[in-house]
Amino acid sequence: MKVPPAVEQAARAALAKKATEVVILDLRRSSSFTDFFLLASGSNQKQILAIADAVEETLRALHLRPDHVEGYPRQEWILMDYGAFVVHIFTPRTRSFYDLERLWGGAARVEVAG
């Protein structure tokens, strides 16, 4: 699966802040609202914010800004919508609860290692 460079850069930015379980889901065959999900976990709320900030900073350098951001004040799940892809950054508990990997189980999956 060919992953767009911006999604790859966002994944690398998350890994640079020690994100875990970084996964890219290819939704092009199953979704009309976006092409890719980038999922990442942080061990605590402070790390979730650091990951989100690093992703936003990295993508801003590529002249990309999110169309919409949710969850930033709560810091349990931050969603950053870039149109063609959506970045989800979770605490482990929240990621397990929503289980997007299972929900989108038919999507091609790429694990991104640091």
PDB file of N, CA and C in Angstrom:
ATOM      1  N   MET A   1       0.863  -1.187   0.000  1.00  0.00           N
ATOM      2  CA  MET A   1       0.000   0.000   0.000  1.00  0.00           C
ATOM      3  C   MET A   1       0.899   1.236   0.000  1.00  0.00           C
ATOM      4  N   LYS A   2       0.596   2.143  -0.878  1.00  0.00           N
ATOM      5  CA  LYS A   2       1.344   3.401  -0.940  1.00  0.00           C
ATOM      6  C   LYS A   2       0.660   4.421  -0.030  1.00  0.00           C
ATOM      7  N   VAL A   3       1.413   4.917   0.927  1.00  0.00           N
ATOM      8  CA  VAL A   3       0.909   5.888   1.897  1.00  0.00           C
ATOM      9  C   VAL A   3       1.364   7.278   1.461  1.00  0.00           C
ATOM     10  N   PRO A   4       0.458   8.263   1.449  1.00  0.00           N
ATOM     11  CA  PRO A   4       0.862   9.628   1.081  1.00  0.00           C
ATOM     12  C   PRO A   4       1.970  10.150   2.004  1.00  0.00           C
ATOM     13  N   PRO A   5       2.869  10.954   1.459  1.00  0.00           N
ATOM     14  CA  PRO A   5       3.980  11.477   2.264  1.00  0.00           C
ATOM     15  C   PRO A   5       3.534  12.228   3.525  1.00  0.00           C
ATOM     16  N   ALA A   6       2.448  12.973   3.458  1.00  0.00           N
ATOM     17  CA  ALA A   6       1.991  13.722   4.639  1.00  0.00           C
ATOM     18  C   ALA A   6       1.581  12.779   5.762  1.00  0.00           C
ATOM     19  N   VAL A   7       0.949  11.663   5.420  1.00  0.00           N
ATOM     20  CA  VAL A   7       0.552  10.684   6.441  1.00  0.00           C
ATOM     21  C   VAL A   7       1.796  10.050   7.049  1.00  0.00           C
ATOM     22  N   GLU A   8       2.758   9.721   6.199  1.00  0.00           N
ATOM     23  CA  GLU A   8       4.014   9.153   6.672  1.00  0.00           C
ATOM     24  C   GLU A   8       4.752  10.139   7.587  1.00  0.00           C
ATOM     25  N   GLN A   9       4.784  11.406   7.219  1.00  0.00           N
ATOM     26  CA  GLN A   9       5.440  12.434   8.041  1.00  0.00           C
ATOM     27  C   GLN A   9       4.729  12.581   9.388  1.00  0.00           C
ATOM     28  N   ALA A  10       3.409  12.540   9.374  1.00  0.00           N
ATOM     29  CA  ALA A  10       2.643  12.629  10.631  1.00  0.00           C
ATOM     30  C   ALA A  10       2.963  11.442  11.535  1.00  0.00           C
ATOM     31  N   ALA A  11       3.067  10.252  10.947  1.00  0.00           N
ATOM     32  CA  ALA A  11       3.419   9.056  11.725  1.00  0.00           C
ATOM     33  C   ALA A  11       4.806   9.198  12.333  1.00  0.00           C
ATOM     34  N   ARG A  12       5.749   9.694  11.561  1.00  0.00           N
ATOM     35  CA  ARG A  12       7.118   9.878  12.059  1.00  0.00           C
ATOM     36  C   ARG A  12       7.161  10.916  13.186  1.00  0.00           C
ATOM     37  N   ALA A  13       6.354  11.974  13.056  1.00  0.00           N
ATOM     38  CA  ALA A  13       6.292  12.995  14.109  1.00  0.00           C
ATOM     39  C   ALA A  13       5.749  12.390  15.403  1.00  0.00           C
ATOM     40  N   ALA A  14       4.729  11.536  15.281  1.00  0.00           N
ATOM     41  CA  ALA A  14       4.164  10.868  16.461  1.00  0.00           C
ATOM     42  C   ALA A  14       5.213   9.965  17.108  1.00  0.00           C
ATOM     43  N   LEU A  15       5.914   9.203  16.281  1.00  0.00           N
ATOM     44  CA  LEU A  15       6.947   8.307  16.821  1.00  0.00           C
ATOM     45  C   LEU A  15       8.070   9.086  17.488  1.00  0.00           C
ATOM     46  N   ALA A  16       8.376  10.261  16.980  1.00  0.00           N
ATOM     47  CA  ALA A  16       9.432  11.086  17.584  1.00  0.00           C
ATOM     48  C   ALA A  16       9.072  11.510  19.005  1.00  0.00           C
ATOM     49  N   LYS A  17       7.771  11.533  19.301  1.00  0.00           N
ATOM     50  CA  LYS A  17       7.312  11.856  20.659  1.00  0.00           C
ATOM     51  C   LYS A  17       6.957  10.591  21.433  1.00  0.00           C
ATOM     52  N   LYS A  18       7.504   9.475  20.966  1.00  0.00           N
ATOM     53  CA  LYS A  18       7.373   8.181  21.645  1.00  0.00           C
ATOM     54  C   LYS A  18       5.951   7.626  21.640  1.00  0.00           C
ATOM     55  N   ALA A  19       5.181   7.944  20.597  1.00  0.00           N
ATOM     56  CA  ALA A  19       3.858   7.331  20.444  1.00  0.00           C
ATOM     57  C   ALA A  19       4.038   5.827  20.267  1.00  0.00           C
ATOM     58  N   THR A  20       3.051   5.069  20.708  1.00  0.00           N
ATOM     59  CA  THR A  20       3.076   3.617  20.554  1.00  0.00           C
ATOM     60  C   THR A  20       1.909   3.193  19.666  1.00  0.00           C
ATOM     61  N   GLU A  21       1.983   1.953  19.208  1.00  0.00           N
ATOM     62  CA  GLU A  21       0.925   1.368  18.376  1.00  0.00           C
ATOM     63  C   GLU A  21       0.511   2.300  17.232  1.00  0.00           C
ATOM     64  N   VAL A  22       1.492   2.802  16.513  1.00  0.00           N
ATOM     65  CA  VAL A  22       1.219   3.700  15.395  1.00  0.00           C
ATOM     66  C   VAL A  22       0.810   2.848  14.195  1.00  0.00           C
ATOM     67  N   VAL A  23      -0.408   3.095  13.716  1.00  0.00           N
ATOM     68  CA  VAL A  23      -1.000   2.290  12.651  1.00  0.00           C
ATOM     69  C   VAL A  23      -1.652   3.219  11.636  1.00  0.00           C
ATOM     70  N   ILE A  24      -1.511   2.868  10.365  1.00  0.00           N
ATOM     71  CA  ILE A  24      -2.207   3.587   9.294  1.00  0.00           C
ATOM     72  C   ILE A  24      -3.233   2.631   8.702  1.00  0.00           C
ATOM     73  N   LEU A  25      -4.480   3.090   8.625  1.00  0.00           N
ATOM     74  CA  LEU A  25      -5.555   2.314   7.994  1.00  0.00           C
ATOM     75  C   LEU A  25      -5.905   2.957   6.661  1.00  0.00           C
ATOM     76  N   ASP A  26      -5.945   2.155   5.612  1.00  0.00           N
ATOM     77  CA  ASP A  26      -6.313   2.627   4.282  1.00  0.00           C
ATOM     78  C   ASP A  26      -7.822   2.448   4.124  1.00  0.00           C
ATOM     79  N   LEU A  27      -8.544   3.550   4.126  1.00  0.00           N
ATOM     80  CA  LEU A  27     -10.010   3.515   4.073  1.00  0.00           C
ATOM     81  C   LEU A  27     -10.560   3.839   2.690  1.00  0.00           C
ATOM     82  N   ARG A  28      -9.711   3.904   1.689  1.00  0.00           N
ATOM     83  CA  ARG A  28     -10.159   4.339   0.364  1.00  0.00           C
ATOM     84  C   ARG A  28     -11.261   3.461  -0.213  1.00  0.00           C
ATOM     85  N   ARG A  29     -11.301   2.192   0.137  1.00  0.00           N
ATOM     86  CA  ARG A  29     -12.341   1.289  -0.387  1.00  0.00           C
ATOM     87  C   ARG A  29     -13.598   1.264   0.473  1.00  0.00           C
ATOM     88  N   SER A  30     -13.511   1.791   1.692  1.00  0.00           N
ATOM     89  CA  SER A  30     -14.644   1.639   2.602  1.00  0.00           C
ATOM     90  C   SER A  30     -15.204   2.941   3.157  1.00  0.00           C
ATOM     91  N   SER A  31     -14.632   4.078   2.784  1.00  0.00           N
ATOM     92  CA  SER A  31     -15.076   5.346   3.360  1.00  0.00           C
ATOM     93  C   SER A  31     -15.148   6.411   2.276  1.00  0.00           C
ATOM     94  N   SER A  32     -16.143   7.261   2.406  1.00  0.00           N
ATOM     95  CA  SER A  32     -16.242   8.375   1.461  1.00  0.00           C
ATOM     96  C   SER A  32     -15.792   9.690   2.090  1.00  0.00           C
ATOM     97  N   PHE A  33     -15.528   9.690   3.401  1.00  0.00           N
ATOM     98  CA  PHE A  33     -15.193  10.944   4.076  1.00  0.00           C
ATOM     99  C   PHE A  33     -13.702  11.179   4.248  1.00  0.00           C
ATOM    100  N   THR A  34     -12.889  10.140   4.136  1.00  0.00           N
ATOM    101  CA  THR A  34     -11.435  10.287   4.224  1.00  0.00           C
ATOM    102  C   THR A  34     -10.772   9.065   3.612  1.00  0.00           C
ATOM    103  N   ASP A  35      -9.498   9.201   3.281  1.00  0.00           N
ATOM    104  CA  ASP A  35      -8.772   8.088   2.668  1.00  0.00           C
ATOM    105  C   ASP A  35      -7.981   7.258   3.665  1.00  0.00           C
ATOM    106  N   PHE A  36      -7.442   7.913   4.707  1.00  0.00           N
ATOM    107  CA  PHE A  36      -6.596   7.215   5.668  1.00  0.00           C
ATOM    108  C   PHE A  36      -6.904   7.665   7.085  1.00  0.00           C
ATOM    109  N   PHE A  37      -6.729   6.733   8.028  1.00  0.00           N
ATOM    110  CA  PHE A  37      -6.674   7.047   9.452  1.00  0.00           C
ATOM    111  C   PHE A  37      -5.239   6.792   9.890  1.00  0.00           C
ATOM    112  N   LEU A  38      -4.702   7.694  10.700  1.00  0.00           N
ATOM    113  CA  LEU A  38      -3.450   7.458  11.399  1.00  0.00           C
ATOM    114  C   LEU A  38      -3.818   7.349  12.872  1.00  0.00           C
ATOM    115  N   LEU A  39      -3.544   6.190  13.469  1.00  0.00           N
ATOM    116  CA  LEU A  39      -3.853   5.950  14.880  1.00  0.00           C
ATOM    117  C   LEU A  39      -2.550   5.880  15.664  1.00  0.00           C
ATOM    118  N   ALA A  40      -2.544   6.510  16.832  1.00  0.00           N
ATOM    119  CA  ALA A  40      -1.357   6.485  17.694  1.00  0.00           C
ATOM    120  C   ALA A  40      -1.816   6.559  19.144  1.00  0.00           C
ATOM    121  N   SER A  41      -1.029   5.999  20.025  1.00  0.00           N
ATOM    122  CA  SER A  41      -1.331   6.044  21.456  1.00  0.00           C
ATOM    123  C   SER A  41      -0.209   6.736  22.209  1.00  0.00           C
ATOM    124  N   GLY A  42      -0.598   7.425  23.271  1.00  0.00           N
ATOM    125  CA  GLY A  42       0.343   8.026  24.204  1.00  0.00           C
ATOM    126  C   GLY A  42       0.026   7.496  25.588  1.00  0.00           C
ATOM    127  N   SER A  43       1.018   7.396  26.439  1.00  0.00           N
ATOM    128  CA  SER A  43       0.818   6.754  27.735  1.00  0.00           C
ATOM    129  C   SER A  43       0.042   7.604  28.736  1.00  0.00           C
ATOM    130  N   ASN A  44       0.010   8.922  28.517  1.00  0.00           N
ATOM    131  CA  ASN A  44      -0.722   9.791  29.439  1.00  0.00           C
ATOM    132  C   ASN A  44      -1.192  11.044  28.700  1.00  0.00           C
ATOM    133  N   GLN A  45      -1.955  11.875  29.387  1.00  0.00           N
ATOM    134  CA  GLN A  45      -2.536  13.059  28.752  1.00  0.00           C
ATOM    135  C   GLN A  45      -1.482  14.051  28.273  1.00  0.00           C
ATOM    136  N   LYS A  46      -0.424  14.203  29.022  1.00  0.00           N
ATOM    137  CA  LYS A  46       0.642  15.129  28.633  1.00  0.00           C
ATOM    138  C   LYS A  46       1.309  14.655  27.336  1.00  0.00           C
ATOM    139  N   GLN A  47       1.532  13.366  27.218  1.00  0.00           N
ATOM    140  CA  GLN A  47       2.140  12.832  26.009  1.00  0.00           C
ATOM    141  C   GLN A  47       1.186  12.947  24.818  1.00  0.00           C
ATOM    142  N   ILE A  48      -0.100  12.774  25.040  1.00  0.00           N
ATOM    143  CA  ILE A  48      -1.091  12.924  23.964  1.00  0.00           C
ATOM    144  C   ILE A  48      -0.986  14.331  23.368  1.00  0.00           C
ATOM    145  N   LEU A  49      -0.911  15.330  24.228  1.00  0.00           N
ATOM    146  CA  LEU A  49      -0.757  16.712  23.752  1.00  0.00           C
ATOM    147  C   LEU A  49       0.551  16.909  22.984  1.00  0.00           C
ATOM    148  N   ALA A  50       1.644  16.343  23.488  1.00  0.00           N
ATOM    149  CA  ALA A  50       2.946  16.493  22.828  1.00  0.00           C
ATOM    150  C   ALA A  50       2.924  15.855  21.439  1.00  0.00           C
ATOM    151  N   ILE A  51       2.277  14.709  21.325  1.00  0.00           N
ATOM    152  CA  ILE A  51       2.170  14.037  20.027  1.00  0.00           C
ATOM    153  C   ILE A  51       1.352  14.890  19.061  1.00  0.00           C
ATOM    154  N   ALA A  52       0.207  15.376  19.523  1.00  0.00           N
ATOM    155  CA  ALA A  52      -0.652  16.216  18.670  1.00  0.00           C
ATOM    156  C   ALA A  52       0.084  17.473  18.221  1.00  0.00           C
ATOM    157  N   ASP A  53       0.787  18.101  19.135  1.00  0.00           N
ATOM    158  CA  ASP A  53       1.541  19.312  18.789  1.00  0.00           C
ATOM    159  C   ASP A  53       2.629  19.008  17.754  1.00  0.00           C
ATOM    160  N   ALA A  54       3.315  17.882  17.915  1.00  0.00           N
ATOM    161  CA  ALA A  54       4.376  17.509  16.976  1.00  0.00           C
ATOM    162  C   ALA A  54       3.809  17.213  15.590  1.00  0.00           C
ATOM    163  N   VAL A  55       2.681  16.527  15.535  1.00  0.00           N
ATOM    164  CA  VAL A  55       2.037  16.239  14.245  1.00  0.00           C
ATOM    165  C   VAL A  55       1.629  17.538  13.567  1.00  0.00           C
ATOM    166  N   GLU A  56       0.986  18.416  14.332  1.00  0.00           N
ATOM    167  CA  GLU A  56       0.526  19.683  13.751  1.00  0.00           C
ATOM    168  C   GLU A  56       1.708  20.514  13.241  1.00  0.00           C
ATOM    169  N   GLU A  57       2.771  20.575  14.016  1.00  0.00           N
ATOM    170  CA  GLU A  57       3.956  21.350  13.633  1.00  0.00           C
ATOM    171  C   GLU A  57       4.609  20.780  12.366  1.00  0.00           C
ATOM    172  N   THR A  58       4.725  19.474  12.313  1.00  0.00           N
ATOM    173  CA  THR A  58       5.330  18.815  11.152  1.00  0.00           C
ATOM    174  C   THR A  58       4.508  19.052   9.894  1.00  0.00           C
ATOM    175  N   LEU A  59       3.194  18.930  10.007  1.00  0.00           N
ATOM    176  CA  LEU A  59       2.343  19.110   8.834  1.00  0.00           C
ATOM    177  C   LEU A  59       2.236  20.574   8.433  1.00  0.00           C
ATOM    178  N   ARG A  60       2.330  21.470   9.401  1.00  0.00           N
ATOM    179  CA  ARG A  60       2.332  22.902   9.080  1.00  0.00           C
ATOM    180  C   ARG A  60       3.550  23.242   8.213  1.00  0.00           C
ATOM    181  N   ALA A  61       4.670  22.587   8.463  1.00  0.00           N
ATOM    182  CA  ALA A  61       5.861  22.801   7.645  1.00  0.00           C
ATOM    183  C   ALA A  61       5.640  22.348   6.201  1.00  0.00           C
ATOM    184  N   LEU A  62       4.656  21.459   5.995  1.00  0.00           N
ATOM    185  CA  LEU A  62       4.273  21.010   4.647  1.00  0.00           C
ATOM    186  C   LEU A  62       3.109  21.840   4.106  1.00  0.00           C
ATOM    187  N   HIS A  63       2.799  22.923   4.819  1.00  0.00           N
ATOM    188  CA  HIS A  63       1.699  23.830   4.454  1.00  0.00           C
ATOM    189  C   HIS A  63       0.329  23.164   4.579  1.00  0.00           C
ATOM    190  N   LEU A  64       0.202  22.256   5.538  1.00  0.00           N
ATOM    191  CA  LEU A  64      -1.077  21.603   5.818  1.00  0.00           C
ATOM    192  C   LEU A  64      -1.552  22.023   7.198  1.00  0.00           C
ATOM    193  N   ARG A  65      -2.822  22.373   7.259  1.00  0.00           N
ATOM    194  CA  ARG A  65      -3.449  22.712   8.540  1.00  0.00           C
ATOM    195  C   ARG A  65      -4.709  21.873   8.677  1.00  0.00           C
ATOM    196  N   PRO A  66      -5.029  21.446   9.890  1.00  0.00           N
ATOM    197  CA  PRO A  66      -6.239  20.636  10.042  1.00  0.00           C
ATOM    198  C   PRO A  66      -7.500  21.448   9.739  1.00  0.00           C
ATOM    199  N   ASP A  67      -8.457  20.789   9.085  1.00  0.00           N
ATOM    200  CA  ASP A  67      -9.762  21.406   8.855  1.00  0.00           C
ATOM    201  C   ASP A  67     -10.537  21.495  10.157  1.00  0.00           C
ATOM    202  N   HIS A  68     -10.267  20.541  11.056  1.00  0.00           N
ATOM    203  CA  HIS A  68     -11.017  20.462  12.304  1.00  0.00           C
ATOM    204  C   HIS A  68     -10.179  19.697  13.331  1.00  0.00           C
ATOM    205  N   VAL A  69     -10.255  20.128  14.587  1.00  0.00           N
ATOM    206  CA  VAL A  69      -9.589  19.434  15.689  1.00  0.00           C
ATOM    207  C   VAL A  69     -10.612  19.246  16.799  1.00  0.00           C
ATOM    208  N   GLU A  70     -10.656  18.054  17.359  1.00  0.00           N
ATOM    209  CA  GLU A  70     -11.551  17.768  18.490  1.00  0.00           C
ATOM    210  C   GLU A  70     -10.757  17.117  19.609  1.00  0.00           C
ATOM    211  N   GLY A  71     -11.238  17.310  20.829  1.00  0.00           N
ATOM    212  CA  GLY A  71     -10.699  16.608  21.975  1.00  0.00           C
ATOM    213  C   GLY A  71      -9.493  17.236  22.637  1.00  0.00           C
ATOM    214  N   TYR A  72      -8.964  18.297  22.066  1.00  0.00           N
ATOM    215  CA  TYR A  72      -7.732  18.869  22.610  1.00  0.00           C
ATOM    216  C   TYR A  72      -7.847  19.241  24.089  1.00  0.00           C
ATOM    217  N   PRO A  73      -8.931  19.881  24.531  1.00  0.00           N
ATOM    218  CA  PRO A  73      -8.987  20.204  25.968  1.00  0.00           C
ATOM    219  C   PRO A  73      -9.087  18.969  26.866  1.00  0.00           C
ATOM    220  N   ARG A  74      -9.765  17.931  26.386  1.00  0.00           N
ATOM    221  CA  ARG A  74      -9.979  16.751  27.231  1.00  0.00           C
ATOM    222  C   ARG A  74      -8.755  15.847  27.282  1.00  0.00           C
ATOM    223  N   GLN A  75      -8.021  15.778  26.175  1.00  0.00           N
ATOM    224  CA  GLN A  75      -6.759  15.062  26.111  1.00  0.00           C
ATOM    225  C   GLN A  75      -6.847  13.552  26.298  1.00  0.00           C
ATOM    226  N   GLU A  76      -8.012  12.946  26.119  1.00  0.00           N
ATOM    227  CA  GLU A  76      -8.133  11.488  26.150  1.00  0.00           C
ATOM    228  C   GLU A  76      -8.095  10.940  24.729  1.00  0.00           C
ATOM    229  N   TRP A  77      -8.552  11.768  23.788  1.00  0.00           N
ATOM    230  CA  TRP A  77      -8.583  11.393  22.380  1.00  0.00           C
ATOM    231  C   TRP A  77      -8.563  12.679  21.582  1.00  0.00           C
ATOM    232  N   ILE A  78      -7.528  12.904  20.848  1.00  0.00           N
ATOM    233  CA  ILE A  78      -7.434  14.089  20.003  1.00  0.00           C
ATOM    234  C   ILE A  78      -7.593  13.645  18.558  1.00  0.00           C
ATOM    235  N   LEU A  79      -8.519  14.274  17.857  1.00  0.00           N
ATOM    236  CA  LEU A  79      -8.785  13.989  16.456  1.00  0.00           C
ATOM    237  C   LEU A  79      -8.385  15.211  15.648  1.00  0.00           C
ATOM    238  N   MET A  80      -7.595  14.993  14.618  1.00  0.00           N
ATOM    239  CA  MET A  80      -7.141  16.079  13.745  1.00  0.00           C
ATOM    240  C   MET A  80      -7.522  15.702  12.319  1.00  0.00           C
ATOM    241  N   ASP A  81      -8.460  16.434  11.738  1.00  0.00           N
ATOM    242  CA  ASP A  81      -8.990  16.117  10.417  1.00  0.00           C
ATOM    243  C   ASP A  81      -8.277  16.951   9.355  1.00  0.00           C
ATOM    244  N   TYR A  82      -7.528  16.276   8.496  1.00  0.00           N
ATOM    245  CA  TYR A  82      -6.810  16.944   7.410  1.00  0.00           C
ATOM    246  C   TYR A  82      -7.483  16.690   6.050  1.00  0.00           C
ATOM    247  N   GLY A  83      -8.731  16.283   6.064  1.00  0.00           N
ATOM    248  CA  GLY A  83      -9.463  16.039   4.827  1.00  0.00           C
ATOM    249  C   GLY A  83      -9.169  14.668   4.260  1.00  0.00           C
ATOM    250  N   ALA A  84      -8.051  14.513   3.584  1.00  0.00           N
ATOM    251  CA  ALA A  84      -7.690  13.230   2.975  1.00  0.00           C
ATOM    252  C   ALA A  84      -7.254  12.192   4.012  1.00  0.00           C
ATOM    253  N   PHE A  85      -6.927  12.653   5.212  1.00  0.00           N
ATOM    254  CA  PHE A  85      -6.602  11.720   6.296  1.00  0.00           C
ATOM    255  C   PHE A  85      -6.971  12.354   7.633  1.00  0.00           C
ATOM    256  N   VAL A  86      -7.200  11.458   8.609  1.00  0.00           N
ATOM    257  CA  VAL A  86      -7.577  11.880   9.955  1.00  0.00           C
ATOM    258  C   VAL A  86      -6.595  11.246  10.929  1.00  0.00           C
ATOM    259  N   VAL A  87      -6.049  12.061  11.818  1.00  0.00           N
ATOM    260  CA  VAL A  87      -5.119  11.595  12.842  1.00  0.00           C
ATOM    261  C   VAL A  87      -5.894  11.425  14.147  1.00  0.00           C
ATOM    262  N   HIS A  88      -5.782  10.242  14.746  1.00  0.00           N
ATOM    263  CA  HIS A  88      -6.408   9.940  16.038  1.00  0.00           C
ATOM    264  C   HIS A  88      -5.295   9.629  17.030  1.00  0.00           C
ATOM    265  N   ILE A  89      -5.255  10.367  18.126  1.00  0.00           N
ATOM    266  CA  ILE A  89      -4.250  10.135  19.161  1.00  0.00           C
ATOM    267  C   ILE A  89      -5.001   9.846  20.461  1.00  0.00           C
ATOM    268  N   PHE A  90      -4.749   8.682  21.023  1.00  0.00           N
ATOM    269  CA  PHE A  90      -5.528   8.183  22.161  1.00  0.00           C
ATOM    270  C   PHE A  90      -4.668   7.889  23.384  1.00  0.00           C
ATOM    271  N   THR A  91      -5.320   7.876  24.543  1.00  0.00           N
ATOM    272  CA  THR A  91      -4.761   7.162  25.680  1.00  0.00           C
ATOM    273  C   THR A  91      -5.083   5.686  25.428  1.00  0.00           C
ATOM    274  N   PRO A  92      -4.321   4.755  26.008  1.00  0.00           N
ATOM    275  CA  PRO A  92      -4.600   3.332  25.771  1.00  0.00           C
ATOM    276  C   PRO A  92      -6.035   2.926  26.131  1.00  0.00           C
ATOM    277  N   ARG A  93      -6.549   3.458  27.226  1.00  0.00           N
ATOM    278  CA  ARG A  93      -7.908   3.103  27.660  1.00  0.00           C
ATOM    279  C   ARG A  93      -8.951   3.552  26.646  1.00  0.00           C
ATOM    280  N   THR A  94      -8.802   4.774  26.138  1.00  0.00           N
ATOM    281  CA  THR A  94      -9.753   5.309  25.175  1.00  0.00           C
ATOM    282  C   THR A  94      -9.630   4.577  23.838  1.00  0.00           C
ATOM    283  N   ARG A  95      -8.413   4.269  23.440  1.00  0.00           N
ATOM    284  CA  ARG A  95      -8.230   3.533  22.180  1.00  0.00           C
ATOM    285  C   ARG A  95      -8.880   2.166  22.258  1.00  0.00           C
ATOM    286  N   SER A  96      -8.714   1.501  23.380  1.00  0.00           N
ATOM    287  CA  SER A  96      -9.332   0.188  23.572  1.00  0.00           C
ATOM    288  C   SER A  96     -10.860   0.282  23.565  1.00  0.00           C
ATOM    289  N   PHE A  97     -11.395   1.312  24.201  1.00  0.00           N
ATOM    290  CA  PHE A  97     -12.850   1.486  24.274  1.00  0.00           C
ATOM    291  C   PHE A  97     -13.463   1.674  22.889  1.00  0.00           C
ATOM    292  N   TYR A  98     -12.891   2.559  22.071  1.00  0.00           N
ATOM    293  CA  TYR A  98     -13.455   2.851  20.748  1.00  0.00           C
ATOM    294  C   TYR A  98     -13.034   1.835  19.689  1.00  0.00           C
ATOM    295  N   ASP A  99     -11.887   1.213  19.856  1.00  0.00           N
ATOM    296  CA  ASP A  99     -11.416   0.106  19.019  1.00  0.00           C
ATOM    297  C   ASP A  99     -11.648   0.331  17.519  1.00  0.00           C
ATOM    298  N   LEU A 100     -11.090   1.431  17.006  1.00  0.00           N
ATOM    299  CA  LEU A 100     -11.279   1.764  15.590  1.00  0.00           C
ATOM    300  C   LEU A 100     -10.689   0.704  14.665  1.00  0.00           C
ATOM    301  N   GLU A 101      -9.663   0.015  15.092  1.00  0.00           N
ATOM    302  CA  GLU A 101      -9.103  -1.048  14.262  1.00  0.00           C
ATOM    303  C   GLU A 101     -10.130  -2.136  14.001  1.00  0.00           C
ATOM    304  N   ARG A 102     -10.925  -2.475  15.003  1.00  0.00           N
ATOM    305  CA  ARG A 102     -11.968  -3.491  14.816  1.00  0.00           C
ATOM    306  C   ARG A 102     -13.105  -2.928  13.981  1.00  0.00           C
ATOM    307  N   LEU A 103     -13.498  -1.700  14.283  1.00  0.00           N
ATOM    308  CA  LEU A 103     -14.603  -1.065  13.569  1.00  0.00           C
ATOM    309  C   LEU A 103     -14.314  -0.972  12.069  1.00  0.00           C
ATOM    310  N   TRP A 104     -13.077  -0.666  11.722  1.00  0.00           N
ATOM    311  CA  TRP A 104     -12.660  -0.558  10.331  1.00  0.00           C
ATOM    312  C   TRP A 104     -11.809  -1.773   9.959  1.00  0.00           C
ATOM    313  N   GLY A 105     -12.214  -2.942  10.411  1.00  0.00           N
ATOM    314  CA  GLY A 105     -11.444  -4.183  10.242  1.00  0.00           C
ATOM    315  C   GLY A 105     -11.159  -4.562   8.799  1.00  0.00           C
ATOM    316  N   GLY A 106     -11.979  -4.104   7.849  1.00  0.00           N
ATOM    317  CA  GLY A 106     -11.759  -4.441   6.457  1.00  0.00           C
ATOM    318  C   GLY A 106     -10.697  -3.582   5.784  1.00  0.00           C
ATOM    319  N   ALA A 107     -10.214  -2.574   6.471  1.00  0.00           N
ATOM    320  CA  ALA A 107      -9.229  -1.657   5.889  1.00  0.00           C
ATOM    321  C   ALA A 107      -7.841  -2.301   5.882  1.00  0.00           C
ATOM    322  N   ALA A 108      -7.083  -2.015   4.838  1.00  0.00           N
ATOM    323  CA  ALA A 108      -5.676  -2.435   4.820  1.00  0.00           C
ATOM    324  C   ALA A 108      -4.965  -1.703   5.953  1.00  0.00           C
ATOM    325  N   ARG A 109      -4.013  -2.389   6.562  1.00  0.00           N
ATOM    326  CA  ARG A 109      -3.377  -1.872   7.777  1.00  0.00           C
ATOM    327  C   ARG A 109      -1.861  -1.888   7.624  1.00  0.00           C
ATOM    328  N   VAL A 110      -1.236  -0.781   8.030  1.00  0.00           N
ATOM    329  CA  VAL A 110       0.222  -0.688   8.031  1.00  0.00           C
ATOM    330  C   VAL A 110       0.670  -0.284   9.422  1.00  0.00           C
ATOM    331  N   GLU A 111       1.477  -1.122  10.053  1.00  0.00           N
ATOM    332  CA  GLU A 111       2.052  -0.777  11.347  1.00  0.00           C
ATOM    333  C   GLU A 111       3.318   0.037  11.076  1.00  0.00           C
ATOM    334  N   VAL A 112       3.464   1.148  11.757  1.00  0.00           N
ATOM    335  CA  VAL A 112       4.624   2.004  11.541  1.00  0.00           C
ATOM    336  C   VAL A 112       5.556   1.845  12.735  1.00  0.00           C
ATOM    337  N   ALA A 113       6.742   1.347  12.452  1.00  0.00           N
ATOM    338  CA  ALA A 113       7.714   1.137  13.526  1.00  0.00           C
ATOM    339  C   ALA A 113       8.702   2.281  13.576  1.00  0.00           C
ATOM    340  N   GLY A 114       9.177   2.556  14.771  1.00  0.00           N
ATOM    341  CA  GLY A 114      10.118   3.648  14.970  1.00  0.00           C
ATOM    342  C   GLY A 114      11.471   3.215  14.873  1.00  0.00           C
TER     343      GLY A 114
END
